Structure formats: C-alpha cells, structure tokens
Amino acid sequence: MQPTIATITPALMIPPDAQATFVETMTQRMAEVARQLSAWVADGPRTLAEVEEQAVALIKDLGQTLLAGAFQLAASPEPASHARCACGRAVPHLRARSADVLTVLGLIEVERPIYWCRPCRRTFAPFDAQTGLCPGSISAGLDELLALLGAREDSFDEAVDVLARLT
C-alpha cells in the first residue's frame, strides 16, 4: 500500500481545538496586558507620552505572542506520516524540529515536521518551503524594513536607532 503524501495546506490542517486553544490563550494574554497597563497607570500620575510608551511596549510583546501562536497553528500538530522528497520518493516523518526567525515583532520559534530521505541522505521541512521560512533568518517584513532603513538613513548607527524605535 502506497503511503499517503501530505499536501501541505496549513489552513486546512488546523484542528478546531488548536484554534480554540489559541484564541483562549490570546484572550487571557490580552486581559493580562490590560491589567498590567491599568495597574501601572493607577500607580501614579502619568503623562500621555509615558502611557503611550508603556502601551506600545506591551502591544509589541502581545503582537509577538500573537504572531508566534498564529504561525505555529500553520505548522500541523499532526504531521503527515510521509512527504515527497525532491528526488520523488515518499519518505517518513522523522521528528519535529524548532526553527527561529527574527520578525518585526521580535524573535519567534515554530515547531515543524522534519522528514528524512535515506537514499538522498537529507532532511527537509516542507513547511519551510511552503511558508518561506528560513530558520535562523529574518522575516520578509523585517527584511523590507531593513532595506527601507538602509536606503533612507545616512548612517548605520541612525538606522539602528530608528529600527529600535520601530520594533
């Protein structure tokens, strides 16, 4: 019997319970952020600039959590038992492996399925190819931001300062 080869389509592979868990986790996280901000504001007189700075910092943290969680949903928690290697062979799932990527919202990590082709002696992650993930690299959004900064800023130090303020 021929093994089933997965056609990686993340939106179709996300189990409803994983989506519900993600939504519940993010709802709790948002409530925690709102409690943190309100407690900080109530702790003493604050200027608009101070409240804005604190809110932006909390929103960046929330956004990083949101991005990481949403992207993890795309990596199937139940990988296909086999995938097609570039050589054309159906090869077995080996294990899950984490990959880090630096984004506009900070560093995120995703666990994705890895497959092993014994004849080719190579491992591969179909999820990486499908989503444009390059482990240890930067996201397309951050790459674009860096390119814009490089084109517009007069010095590297100025670009670093602007990037730190934007991310």
Foldseek 3Di string as FASTA:
>chain_A
DDFDADDQDLVVQQDPVLVVVLVVVLVVLVVVLVVVLVVVCVVDPDDPVRSVVSNVVSVLVSVQSNVQSVVQSSAHPDDGQWHADPVGDTFGWDAWDKFWEQELSGIHIHTHIWTADVVVRDIDTVSCVVVVNDGPYYDPRVVVLLVVLVVPDPDPVVSVVVSVVRD
